[in-house]
């Protein structure tokens, strides 16, 4: 339909050019704008008053034909009507041959037959029959070339920018029929949450019994159950809301998260040399950096999707991206939270690269970011952690205490572990056994099998999340799925890598496993958005990411 509209516009412009119109433009024809049929149909539906519903009695509703069977019957009737041959075949219009030149006979004349029965030769005064046919074919070819040849004028604009903006708004307002959620992703996340609840109770029982006034070993477990309950509700709510509507609130979410990062520096609770939490009563706390991860993923996905091809430019793509992400990272680093800063930088960088960033500019920005992180890594306690990472079995009572006890817990677990609840390192030897070091308790109690199971579940989460991003039809959904999946997987990799001495020790919770109400609720809400994206996957032949990649690759080759 768009191709026919485009051809009609070109021929209309060509006719106007031949008729002499548009001479005031000095040979350049003004673009011909065409209205979108979808917008015209929507405007007609708005002007037309809705028809009143037909009231039927109870017996009419009961005896009425179901809608599905009615559609099936109408479809079968259409098919049978076409098969029986009742559709009138379209007769192709034959072209008329051009008239012959003057002085040329239409048919060759024959000499009269002699009485002896011999036929004389063709007439010599005119062209032969074969020459007439060849001349006609040559004239037809020339006229066909003149008819097919495209007029020399600039291509017309199919729709104006205002029409395109209205069409995008109409697309956002149209209702879509959701399908089923990704059941594999849902089972994986619920499995991680269940394992986390069990391990929080096991890892925090000793500390909870000694810290609480009543000696209850399930204090932290009860708080985690409450957080998990609200997290499940948040996941169900976000899984029901169309993910496209979050574009309207992405800027509002970021505008709420940034002031909270500033306020927590002055009014937050200072614990272990870091000011990261707002204390709510005696039992609950709120960490603004966890909300910032989700708000940043929503905003960057919307911002990059609106930029389009301008993402690869330095002025409109790289510069505002560096300013925004740099501001957030600076506020997080002021809280002495290097691990969260690494996660935020990672998710923003992966989303920017996925949107089609210029490779050279991207590498230069990466080098600059790594240099800035290195300058912060060699300050204060981070320098001691880096030195402890280089020599993990020295200074085991001071700077390497947590790393050494984590390795001892992982090593003592063996293949099957000591048994659930039988950890020795959680009894005062390993700091934060229910938060940052919970993976070490998993390895000690459940052994290599339990640790491998958690890693496999996170790998399944990564596969399903990036698979959703690969199959999403719109760019916003693809970037949002990429950002959320990168955030969860990168945070899990940092926690597991720090516990097992693959990277320098840094304190970030293990998603869905570690104790922490804010982290669990926000992570489950983000998973709900992923589940909603999976409800609109229809296995497209031309997904958003491959379409943009192929288009830009073709332009670069040209």
Protein backbone atom coordinates (compact mmCIF):
# COMPACT_ATOMS: atom_id res chain seq x y z
CA UNK A 1 0.00 0.00 0.00
CA UNK A 2 2.85 2.40 0.86
CA UNK A 3 4.57 1.53 -2.43
CA UNK A 4 1.39 2.34 -4.43
CA UNK A 5 1.02 5.64 -2.58
CA UNK A 6 4.63 6.45 -3.30
CA UNK A 7 4.21 5.72 -7.04
CA UNK A 8 1.06 7.83 -7.24
CA UNK A 9 2.91 10.70 -5.63
CA UNK A 10 5.79 10.40 -8.10
CA UNK A 11 3.48 10.33 -11.13
CA UNK A 12 1.49 13.28 -9.77
CA UNK A 13 4.68 15.26 -9.38
CA UNK A 14 5.75 14.28 -12.88
CA UNK A 15 2.45 15.45 -14.39
CA UNK A 16 2.71 18.75 -12.54
CA UNK A 17 6.26 19.16 -13.86
CA UNK A 18 5.15 18.56 -17.45
CA UNK A 19 2.25 20.96 -17.16
CA UNK A 20 4.61 23.78 -16.20
CA UNK A 21 3.64 24.13 -12.56
CA UNK A 22 6.40 24.71 -10.06
CA UNK A 23 8.54 26.86 -12.39
CA UNK A 24 9.02 29.34 -9.63
CA UNK A 25 11.20 26.76 -7.85
CA UNK A 26 13.69 26.83 -10.72
CA UNK A 27 13.27 23.20 -11.73
CA UNK A 28 12.88 21.79 -8.22
CA UNK A 29 9.47 20.40 -7.44
CA UNK A 30 7.97 20.86 -3.99
CA UNK A 31 7.53 17.65 -2.00
CA UNK A 32 4.13 16.02 -2.15
CA UNK A 33 2.79 15.09 1.28
CA UNK A 34 0.33 12.25 1.71
CA UNK A 35 -1.79 11.65 4.79
CA UNK A 36 -1.65 8.34 6.58
CA UNK A 37 -4.75 6.15 6.04
CA UNK A 38 -4.47 4.94 9.65
CA UNK A 39 -4.74 8.52 10.97
CA UNK A 40 -7.69 9.28 8.69
CA UNK A 41 -9.46 6.16 9.88
CA UNK A 42 -8.79 7.07 13.52
CA UNK A 43 -10.16 10.60 12.98
CA UNK A 44 -13.31 9.21 11.33
CA UNK A 45 -13.86 6.85 14.25
CA UNK A 46 -13.52 9.75 16.69
CA UNK A 47 -16.07 11.88 14.79
CA UNK A 48 -18.53 9.04 14.31
CA UNK A 49 -20.72 8.50 17.41
CA UNK A 50 -20.51 5.00 18.87
CA UNK A 51 -23.37 2.70 18.02
CA UNK A 52 -25.56 1.73 20.98
CA UNK A 53 -25.14 -1.89 22.05
CA UNK A 54 -27.85 -4.29 20.98
CA UNK A 55 -29.74 -5.61 23.97
CA UNK A 56 -30.59 -9.29 23.82
CA UNK A 57 -32.56 -11.44 26.18
CA UNK A 58 -31.13 -14.27 28.19
CA UNK A 59 -32.38 -16.94 25.75
CA UNK A 60 -31.00 -15.03 22.75
CA UNK A 61 -27.58 -14.86 24.39
CA UNK A 62 -27.78 -18.54 25.23
CA UNK A 63 -28.80 -19.63 21.71
CA UNK A 64 -26.49 -17.21 19.91
CA UNK A 65 -23.62 -18.61 17.91
CA UNK A 66 -20.21 -18.23 19.60
CA UNK A 67 -17.90 -15.62 18.12
CA UNK A 68 -15.12 -18.10 17.35
CA UNK A 69 -17.40 -20.53 15.48
CA UNK A 70 -18.94 -17.61 13.56
CA UNK A 71 -15.52 -16.41 12.42
CA UNK A 72 -14.56 -19.97 11.49
CA UNK A 73 -17.80 -20.41 9.46
CA UNK A 74 -17.30 -17.11 7.61
CA UNK A 75 -13.72 -18.04 6.82
CA UNK A 76 -14.81 -21.45 5.47
CA UNK A 77 -17.50 -19.81 3.35
CA UNK A 78 -14.95 -17.47 1.83
CA UNK A 79 -12.63 -20.34 1.05
CA UNK A 80 -15.38 -22.49 -0.47
CA UNK A 81 -16.62 -19.55 -2.51
CA UNK A 82 -13.18 -19.12 -4.02
CA UNK A 83 -12.71 -22.86 -4.60
CA UNK A 84 -16.03 -23.27 -6.43
CA UNK A 85 -14.89 -20.77 -9.00
CA UNK A 86 -17.55 -18.17 -8.31
CA UNK A 87 -15.02 -15.37 -8.23
CA UNK A 88 -14.91 -13.76 -11.64
CA UNK A 89 -11.46 -14.11 -13.12
CA UNK A 90 -9.71 -10.91 -14.04
CA UNK A 91 -9.24 -10.73 -17.81
CA UNK A 92 -5.95 -9.08 -18.70
CA UNK A 93 -6.24 -6.05 -20.94
CA UNK A 94 -4.52 -6.60 -24.26
CA UNK A 95 -2.40 -3.93 -25.76
CA UNK A 96 -3.20 -2.65 -29.22
CA UNK A 97 -0.45 -2.63 -31.75
CA UNK A 98 0.59 0.79 -33.05
CA UNK A 99 -0.75 1.81 -36.46
CA UNK A 100 1.42 1.21 -39.47
CA UNK A 101 3.15 3.93 -41.39
CA UNK A 102 1.54 5.48 -44.40
CA UNK A 103 2.05 3.67 -47.61
CA UNK A 104 2.51 0.32 -45.90
CA UNK A 105 -0.17 -2.26 -46.41
CA UNK A 106 -1.64 -4.02 -43.41
CA UNK A 107 -1.36 -7.45 -45.01
CA UNK A 108 0.79 -8.54 -47.89
CA UNK A 109 -1.17 -8.91 -51.12
CA UNK A 110 -0.85 -12.06 -53.17
CA UNK A 111 -0.85 -12.37 -56.90
CA UNK A 112 -3.76 -14.24 -58.37
CA UNK A 113 -3.20 -17.91 -58.80
CA UNK A 114 -2.71 -19.04 -62.36
CA UNK A 115 -4.83 -21.63 -63.95
CA UNK A 116 -1.98 -24.07 -63.97
CA UNK A 117 -2.07 -24.15 -60.20
CA UNK A 118 1.33 -22.48 -59.57
CA UNK A 119 1.49 -19.64 -57.04
CA UNK A 120 3.43 -16.53 -57.82
CA UNK A 121 5.87 -14.85 -55.37
CA UNK A 122 5.06 -12.10 -52.86
CA UNK A 123 4.72 -8.53 -54.06
CA UNK A 124 7.98 -6.64 -54.41
CA UNK A 125 6.69 -3.06 -54.10
CA UNK A 126 6.26 -3.08 -50.23
CA UNK A 127 7.92 -4.54 -47.10
CA UNK A 128 7.41 -8.18 -46.33
CA UNK A 129 5.18 -9.53 -43.55
CA UNK A 130 8.19 -10.39 -41.31
CA UNK A 131 9.58 -6.88 -41.73
CA UNK A 132 6.22 -5.40 -40.65
CA UNK A 133 6.15 -7.55 -37.52
CA UNK A 134 9.77 -6.65 -36.61
CA UNK A 135 9.06 -2.95 -37.12
CA UNK A 136 5.96 -3.14 -34.91
CA UNK A 137 7.89 -4.90 -32.15
CA UNK A 138 10.66 -2.29 -32.30
CA UNK A 139 8.16 0.58 -32.00
CA UNK A 140 6.46 -1.18 -29.10
CA UNK A 141 9.78 -1.62 -27.30
CA UNK A 142 10.65 2.05 -27.72
CA UNK A 143 7.27 3.16 -26.41
CA UNK A 144 7.58 0.74 -23.48
CA UNK A 145 10.97 2.18 -22.56
CA UNK A 146 9.58 5.70 -22.68
CA UNK A 147 6.62 4.64 -20.54
CA UNK A 148 8.71 2.81 -17.92
CA UNK A 149 11.43 5.46 -17.73
CA UNK A 150 11.11 7.38 -14.46
CA UNK A 151 10.80 11.14 -14.59
CA UNK A 152 13.80 13.11 -13.43
CA UNK A 153 12.68 14.83 -10.22
CA UNK A 154 13.40 14.59 -6.52
CA UNK A 155 11.60 11.84 -4.52
CA UNK A 156 8.52 13.07 -2.74
CA UNK A 157 7.93 12.93 0.99
CA UNK A 158 5.24 10.40 1.82
CA UNK A 159 4.30 11.84 5.24
CA UNK A 160 5.22 15.02 7.01
CA UNK A 161 6.97 15.02 10.38
CA UNK A 162 3.76 16.01 12.14
CA UNK A 163 1.95 13.08 10.56
CA UNK A 164 4.76 10.72 11.57
CA UNK A 165 4.60 11.98 15.17
CA UNK A 166 0.83 11.52 15.25
CA UNK A 167 1.24 8.04 13.81
CA UNK A 168 3.71 7.11 16.56
CA UNK A 169 1.31 8.41 19.21
CA UNK A 170 -1.52 6.44 17.62
CA UNK A 171 0.62 3.31 17.68
CA UNK A 172 1.29 3.83 21.39
CA UNK A 173 -2.44 4.23 22.10
CA UNK A 174 -3.50 1.13 20.18
CA UNK A 175 -4.30 -1.88 22.30
CA UNK A 176 -2.33 -5.06 21.69
CA UNK A 177 -3.28 -8.61 22.50
CA UNK A 178 -0.72 -10.00 24.95
CA UNK A 179 0.33 -13.61 24.87
CA UNK A 180 1.82 -15.88 27.48
CA UNK A 181 4.79 -14.89 29.61
CA UNK A 182 8.16 -16.57 29.32
CA UNK A 183 7.54 -19.49 31.67
CA UNK A 184 11.22 -20.51 31.71
CA UNK A 185 12.29 -17.04 32.86
CA UNK A 186 9.56 -16.99 35.51
CA UNK A 187 10.57 -20.42 36.88
CA UNK A 188 14.25 -19.45 36.97
CA UNK A 189 13.58 -16.25 38.93
CA UNK A 190 11.20 -17.92 41.37
CA UNK A 191 13.78 -20.68 41.90
CA UNK A 192 16.44 -18.10 42.74
CA UNK A 193 14.06 -16.34 45.16
CA UNK A 194 13.26 -19.61 46.95
CA UNK A 195 16.93 -20.52 47.25
CA UNK A 196 17.62 -17.02 48.54
CA UNK A 197 15.01 -17.27 51.28
CA UNK A 198 16.41 -20.61 52.46
CA UNK A 199 20.00 -19.40 52.43
CA UNK A 200 19.17 -16.11 54.19
CA UNK A 201 17.61 -18.07 57.03
CA UNK A 202 20.57 -20.43 57.22
CA UNK A 203 23.30 -17.78 56.91
CA UNK A 204 21.73 -15.25 59.30
CA UNK A 205 20.48 -17.57 62.04
CA UNK A 206 23.60 -17.22 64.23
CA UNK A 207 23.88 -13.43 63.84
CA UNK A 208 20.15 -12.93 64.29
CA UNK A 209 20.07 -14.97 67.50
CA UNK A 210 22.88 -12.89 69.04
CA UNK A 211 21.74 -9.45 67.82
CA UNK A 212 18.01 -9.65 68.57
CA UNK A 213 16.82 -9.04 72.11
CA UNK A 214 14.63 -12.13 72.13
CA UNK A 215 17.24 -14.42 70.59
CA UNK A 216 15.03 -15.23 67.58
CA UNK A 217 17.20 -16.74 64.78
CA UNK A 218 14.60 -15.88 62.10
CA UNK A 219 14.60 -12.08 62.39
CA UNK A 220 16.37 -11.44 59.10
CA UNK A 221 14.40 -14.24 57.44
CA UNK A 222 11.08 -12.66 58.40
CA UNK A 223 12.15 -9.30 56.98
CA UNK A 224 13.29 -11.00 53.77
CA UNK A 225 9.95 -12.82 53.46
CA UNK A 226 8.09 -9.51 53.75
CA UNK A 227 10.33 -7.98 51.10
CA UNK A 228 9.82 -11.00 48.87
CA UNK A 229 6.04 -10.66 49.25
CA UNK A 230 6.11 -7.02 48.11
CA UNK A 231 8.58 -7.93 45.38
CA UNK A 232 6.24 -10.60 43.98
CA UNK A 233 3.39 -8.09 43.98
CA UNK A 234 5.60 -5.57 42.15
CA UNK A 235 6.56 -8.24 39.60
CA UNK A 236 2.92 -9.15 38.96
CA UNK A 237 1.98 -5.49 38.51
CA UNK A 238 4.80 -4.68 36.09
CA UNK A 239 4.13 -7.91 34.20
CA UNK A 240 0.55 -6.76 33.56
CA UNK A 241 1.38 -3.20 32.43
CA UNK A 242 2.43 -2.72 28.82
CA UNK A 243 6.13 -1.91 28.87
CA UNK A 244 5.64 0.90 26.32
CA UNK A 245 3.87 3.03 28.94
CA UNK A 246 7.01 3.19 31.05
CA UNK A 247 8.43 5.58 28.45
CA UNK A 248 6.11 8.27 29.78
CA UNK A 249 7.45 7.93 33.33
CA UNK A 250 11.15 7.30 32.60
CA UNK A 251 12.11 10.96 32.98
CA UNK A 252 10.01 11.27 36.15
CA UNK A 253 11.69 8.19 37.65
CA UNK A 254 15.16 9.58 36.90
CA UNK A 255 14.15 12.99 38.29
CA UNK A 256 13.14 11.26 41.54
CA UNK A 257 16.25 9.05 41.76
CA UNK A 258 18.84 11.81 41.28
CA UNK A 259 17.73 13.99 44.23
CA UNK A 260 17.61 10.89 46.44
CA UNK A 261 21.27 10.19 45.58
CA UNK A 262 22.09 13.71 46.72
CA UNK A 263 19.98 13.60 49.88
CA UNK A 264 21.41 10.29 51.06
CA UNK A 265 24.85 11.94 51.28
CA UNK A 266 23.56 14.35 53.93
CA UNK A 267 20.70 12.54 55.64
CA UNK A 268 21.56 8.89 55.06
CA UNK A 269 22.74 6.34 57.60
CA UNK A 270 26.51 6.01 57.73
CA UNK A 271 27.58 2.38 58.18
CA UNK A 272 30.98 0.76 57.52
CA UNK A 273 32.35 3.98 56.02
CA UNK A 274 29.54 4.37 53.45
CA UNK A 275 26.37 6.46 53.38
CA UNK A 276 23.99 4.47 51.17
CA UNK A 277 20.74 3.95 53.09
CA UNK A 278 17.76 5.85 54.42
CA UNK A 279 16.76 4.25 57.69
CA UNK A 280 13.01 3.69 57.99
CA UNK A 281 12.25 2.83 61.60
CA UNK A 282 14.32 0.18 63.33
CA UNK A 283 13.79 -2.66 60.91
CA UNK A 284 13.66 -1.35 57.34
CA UNK A 285 15.96 0.75 55.18
CA UNK A 286 15.90 2.09 51.62
CA UNK A 287 18.86 2.27 49.23
CA UNK A 288 18.41 4.92 46.47
CA UNK A 289 21.14 3.43 44.24
CA UNK A 290 18.98 0.34 43.63
CA UNK A 291 16.13 2.52 42.36
CA UNK A 292 18.62 4.44 40.22
CA UNK A 293 19.52 1.27 38.28
CA UNK A 294 15.94 0.71 37.14
CA UNK A 295 15.26 4.41 36.49
CA UNK A 296 18.45 4.73 34.44
CA UNK A 297 17.61 1.64 32.36
CA UNK A 298 14.13 3.04 31.60
CA UNK A 299 15.41 6.49 30.68
CA UNK A 300 18.41 5.42 28.58
CA UNK A 301 16.26 2.97 26.60
CA UNK A 302 13.78 5.76 25.80
CA UNK A 303 16.50 8.30 25.05
CA UNK A 304 18.49 6.02 22.72
CA UNK A 305 15.34 4.84 20.93
CA UNK A 306 14.37 8.46 20.20
CA UNK A 307 17.87 9.38 19.03
CA UNK A 308 17.91 6.84 16.21
CA UNK A 309 20.91 7.31 13.92
CA UNK A 310 22.13 10.29 15.96
CA UNK A 311 23.48 7.85 18.55
CA UNK A 312 26.65 7.46 16.48
CA UNK A 313 27.29 11.23 16.40
CA UNK A 314 29.67 12.86 18.87
CA UNK A 315 27.62 15.96 19.65
CA UNK A 316 24.15 14.43 19.98
CA UNK A 317 25.07 10.90 21.01
CA UNK A 318 28.27 10.45 23.00
CA UNK A 319 28.45 13.85 24.72
CA UNK A 320 25.05 13.87 26.49
CA UNK A 321 25.46 10.17 27.32
CA UNK A 322 28.80 10.75 29.05
CA UNK A 323 27.46 13.76 30.96
CA UNK A 324 24.39 11.91 32.26
CA UNK A 325 26.15 8.68 33.22
CA UNK A 326 29.13 10.57 34.64
CA UNK A 327 26.86 12.61 36.92
CA UNK A 328 25.20 9.49 38.33
CA UNK A 329 28.50 7.65 38.76
CA UNK A 330 29.97 10.64 40.58
CA UNK A 331 27.12 10.65 43.10
CA UNK A 332 27.40 6.90 43.64
CA UNK A 333 31.18 7.10 44.14
CA UNK A 334 30.67 9.80 46.75
CA UNK A 335 28.71 7.16 48.71
CA UNK A 336 31.82 4.91 48.65
CA UNK A 337 29.95 2.30 46.62
CA UNK A 338 32.37 1.14 43.93
CA UNK A 339 30.47 -2.08 43.20
CA UNK A 340 27.20 -0.30 42.37
CA UNK A 341 29.10 2.20 40.23
CA UNK A 342 30.58 -0.68 38.21
CA UNK A 343 27.12 -2.18 37.66
CA UNK A 344 25.60 1.16 36.58
CA UNK A 345 28.49 1.89 34.22
CA UNK A 346 28.23 -1.61 32.75
CA UNK A 347 24.49 -1.53 32.01
CA UNK A 348 24.68 1.98 30.51
CA UNK A 349 27.68 1.05 28.34
CA UNK A 350 26.09 -2.13 27.00
CA UNK A 351 22.86 -0.31 26.13
CA UNK A 352 24.77 2.47 24.37
CA UNK A 353 26.80 -0.04 22.36
CA UNK A 354 23.67 -2.04 21.45
CA UNK A 355 21.92 1.09 20.17
CA UNK A 356 24.61 1.54 17.50
CA UNK A 357 27.38 3.70 18.96
CA UNK A 358 30.38 4.67 16.87
CA UNK A 359 33.11 2.11 17.58
CA UNK A 360 35.99 4.60 17.74
CA UNK A 361 34.11 7.01 19.99
CA UNK A 362 32.91 4.09 22.09
CA UNK A 363 36.45 2.78 22.64
CA UNK A 364 37.73 6.26 23.52
CA UNK A 365 34.94 6.67 26.07
CA UNK A 366 35.72 3.22 27.49
CA UNK A 367 39.40 4.09 27.92
CA UNK A 368 38.49 7.38 29.63
CA UNK A 369 36.06 5.64 31.96
CA UNK A 370 38.60 2.97 32.91
CA UNK A 371 41.21 5.63 33.70
CA UNK A 372 38.73 7.45 35.95
CA UNK A 373 37.87 4.22 37.76
CA UNK A 374 41.54 3.43 38.23
CA UNK A 375 42.14 6.80 39.86
CA UNK A 376 39.34 6.04 42.32
CA UNK A 377 40.52 2.46 42.89
CA UNK A 378 43.87 3.60 44.28
CA UNK A 379 42.34 5.70 47.06
CA UNK A 380 41.65 4.78 50.67
CA UNK A 381 40.43 1.30 51.54
CA UNK A 382 40.09 0.38 47.85
CA UNK A 383 43.87 0.38 47.53
CA UNK A 384 44.14 -2.11 50.41
CA UNK A 385 41.54 -4.34 48.79
CA UNK A 386 43.49 -4.27 45.54
CA UNK A 387 46.70 -5.19 47.34
CA UNK A 388 44.85 -7.95 49.18
CA UNK A 389 43.56 -9.32 45.87
CA UNK A 390 47.13 -9.61 44.60
CA UNK A 391 48.15 -11.54 47.76
CA UNK A 392 44.97 -13.19 49.11
CA UNK A 393 46.76 -15.34 51.73
CA UNK A 394 48.65 -12.48 53.41
CA UNK A 395 47.25 -10.21 56.11
CA UNK A 396 44.38 -12.65 56.64
CA UNK A 397 43.39 -10.94 59.89
CA UNK A 398 43.11 -7.39 58.54
CA UNK A 399 42.58 -6.35 54.92
CA UNK A 400 42.10 -9.91 53.60
CA UNK A 401 39.87 -11.20 56.39
CA UNK A 402 36.65 -11.38 54.35
CA UNK A 403 38.34 -12.73 51.21
CA UNK A 404 40.30 -15.37 53.12
CA UNK A 405 37.25 -16.59 55.06
CA UNK A 406 35.22 -16.75 51.85
CA UNK A 407 37.84 -18.93 50.17
CA UNK A 408 38.01 -21.10 53.28
CA UNK A 409 34.23 -21.59 53.24
CA UNK A 410 34.19 -22.48 49.54
CA UNK A 411 37.05 -24.93 49.95
CA UNK A 412 35.62 -26.69 52.99
CA UNK A 413 32.30 -27.35 51.25
CA UNK A 414 33.72 -29.92 48.84
CA UNK A 415 31.47 -31.43 46.18
CA UNK A 416 28.24 -31.96 48.17
CA UNK A 417 28.82 -29.53 51.05
CA UNK A 418 28.61 -29.85 54.80
CA UNK A 419 24.81 -29.82 54.80
CA UNK A 420 22.15 -27.13 55.04
CA UNK A 421 22.62 -25.11 58.23
CA UNK A 422 25.98 -26.72 59.08
CA UNK A 423 28.24 -23.82 58.10
CA UNK A 424 31.07 -22.97 60.50
CA UNK A 425 32.16 -19.69 58.88
CA UNK A 426 28.84 -17.98 59.61
CA UNK A 427 29.42 -18.28 63.36
CA UNK A 428 31.42 -15.05 63.60
CA UNK A 429 34.32 -15.83 61.25
CA UNK A 430 32.98 -14.54 57.92
CA UNK A 431 31.76 -10.90 57.87
CA UNK A 432 28.30 -10.32 56.35
CA UNK A 433 27.49 -13.98 55.69
CA UNK A 434 23.87 -13.17 54.73
CA UNK A 435 24.62 -10.17 52.45
CA UNK A 436 27.85 -9.86 50.48
CA UNK A 437 29.32 -13.28 51.35
CA UNK A 438 26.21 -15.42 51.00
CA UNK A 439 27.63 -17.25 47.98
CA UNK A 440 30.47 -18.52 50.17
CA UNK A 441 27.90 -19.94 52.63
CA UNK A 442 26.12 -21.61 49.69
CA UNK A 443 29.38 -23.25 48.64
CA UNK A 444 30.13 -24.38 52.18
CA UNK A 445 26.70 -25.86 52.97
CA UNK A 446 25.61 -27.08 49.52
CA UNK A 447 29.04 -27.64 48.02
CA UNK A 448 30.01 -27.44 44.38
CA UNK A 449 26.57 -28.73 43.33
CA UNK A 450 24.70 -25.88 45.02
CA UNK A 451 27.10 -23.21 43.77
CA UNK A 452 26.95 -24.60 40.22
CA UNK A 453 23.14 -24.68 40.38
CA UNK A 454 23.00 -20.96 41.17
CA UNK A 455 25.45 -20.15 38.38
CA UNK A 456 23.41 -22.22 35.91
CA UNK A 457 20.21 -20.42 36.92
CA UNK A 458 21.84 -17.04 36.30
CA UNK A 459 23.12 -18.26 32.93
CA UNK A 460 19.57 -19.30 32.03
CA UNK A 461 18.38 -15.84 33.11
CA UNK A 462 21.00 -14.25 30.84
CA UNK A 463 20.01 -16.44 27.90
CA UNK A 464 16.29 -15.77 28.20
CA UNK A 465 16.77 -12.04 28.79
CA UNK A 466 19.06 -11.45 25.81
CA UNK A 467 16.83 -13.72 23.73
CA UNK A 468 13.92 -11.41 24.48
CA UNK A 469 16.03 -8.42 23.48
CA UNK A 470 16.94 -10.15 20.23
CA UNK A 471 13.32 -10.95 19.30
CA UNK A 472 11.62 -7.70 20.32
CA UNK A 473 10.15 -5.78 17.38
CA UNK A 474 10.58 -2.22 18.70
CA UNK A 475 13.89 -0.62 19.65
CA UNK A 476 12.73 0.58 23.04
CA UNK A 477 11.78 -2.91 24.21
CA UNK A 478 15.01 -4.39 22.88
CA UNK A 479 17.18 -1.82 24.68
CA UNK A 480 15.17 -2.10 27.91
CA UNK A 481 15.48 -5.91 27.95
CA UNK A 482 19.21 -5.58 27.25
CA UNK A 483 19.72 -3.10 30.10
CA UNK A 484 17.77 -5.04 32.73
CA UNK A 485 19.43 -8.35 31.85
CA UNK A 486 22.89 -6.79 31.85
CA UNK A 487 22.23 -5.19 35.24
CA UNK A 488 21.17 -8.45 36.94
CA UNK A 489 23.85 -10.65 35.35
CA UNK A 490 26.69 -8.16 35.86
CA UNK A 491 25.78 -7.69 39.52
CA UNK A 492 25.71 -11.45 40.04
CA UNK A 493 29.08 -11.79 38.27
CA UNK A 494 30.65 -9.09 40.47
CA UNK A 495 29.40 -10.74 43.67
CA UNK A 496 30.45 -14.27 42.70
CA UNK A 497 33.77 -13.10 41.27
CA UNK A 498 34.65 -11.11 44.40
CA UNK A 499 33.71 -14.02 46.69
CA UNK A 500 35.83 -16.50 44.72
CA UNK A 501 38.82 -14.10 44.30
CA UNK A 502 38.43 -13.61 40.54
CA UNK A 503 38.18 -9.82 40.97
CA UNK A 504 39.08 -7.46 43.86
CA UNK A 505 36.59 -7.62 46.70
CA UNK A 506 33.69 -5.21 46.47
CA UNK A 507 30.39 -5.21 48.29
CA UNK A 508 27.32 -5.77 46.11
CA UNK A 509 24.41 -8.10 46.94
CA UNK A 510 23.76 -11.24 44.93
CA UNK A 511 20.42 -10.65 43.14
CA UNK A 512 17.47 -12.62 44.58
CA UNK A 513 19.81 -14.45 47.01
CA UNK A 514 21.36 -11.90 49.37
CA UNK A 515 19.50 -10.23 52.22
CA UNK A 516 18.21 -6.79 51.26
CA UNK A 517 14.66 -5.55 50.87
CA UNK A 518 15.31 -2.75 48.36
CA UNK A 519 17.41 -4.94 46.09
CA UNK A 520 14.88 -7.77 46.08
CA UNK A 521 11.82 -5.59 45.42
CA UNK A 522 13.46 -3.53 42.64
CA UNK A 523 14.97 -6.62 41.00
CA UNK A 524 11.64 -8.44 40.94
CA UNK A 525 9.92 -5.34 39.51
CA UNK A 526 12.54 -5.28 36.73
CA UNK A 527 11.92 -8.97 36.04
CA UNK A 528 8.20 -8.17 35.74
CA UNK A 529 9.04 -5.74 32.92
CA UNK A 530 11.01 -8.51 31.20
CA UNK A 531 8.02 -10.84 31.54
CA UNK A 532 5.76 -8.20 30.01
CA UNK A 533 8.13 -7.82 27.06
CA UNK A 534 7.95 -11.58 26.55
CA UNK A 535 4.14 -11.38 26.27
CA UNK A 536 4.41 -9.41 23.00
CA UNK A 537 7.03 -11.54 21.29
CA UNK A 538 5.69 -12.99 18.03
CA UNK A 539 8.94 -14.37 16.57
CA UNK A 540 9.36 -11.48 14.08
CA UNK A 541 11.21 -12.06 10.85
CA UNK A 542 12.79 -8.60 11.16
CA UNK A 543 13.52 -7.80 14.84
CA UNK A 544 14.57 -4.34 15.96
CA UNK A 545 18.23 -4.99 16.72
CA UNK A 546 19.04 -6.88 13.50
CA UNK A 547 17.11 -4.35 11.38
CA UNK A 548 19.08 -1.42 12.77
CA UNK A 549 22.40 -3.26 12.56
CA UNK A 550 21.82 -4.32 8.94
CA UNK A 551 20.71 -0.83 7.90
CA UNK A 552 23.73 0.88 9.40
CA UNK A 553 26.12 -1.72 8.02
CA UNK A 554 24.68 -1.20 4.54
CA UNK A 555 25.01 2.58 4.81
CA UNK A 556 28.63 2.28 5.87
CA UNK A 557 29.44 0.03 2.92
CA UNK A 558 27.76 2.43 0.51
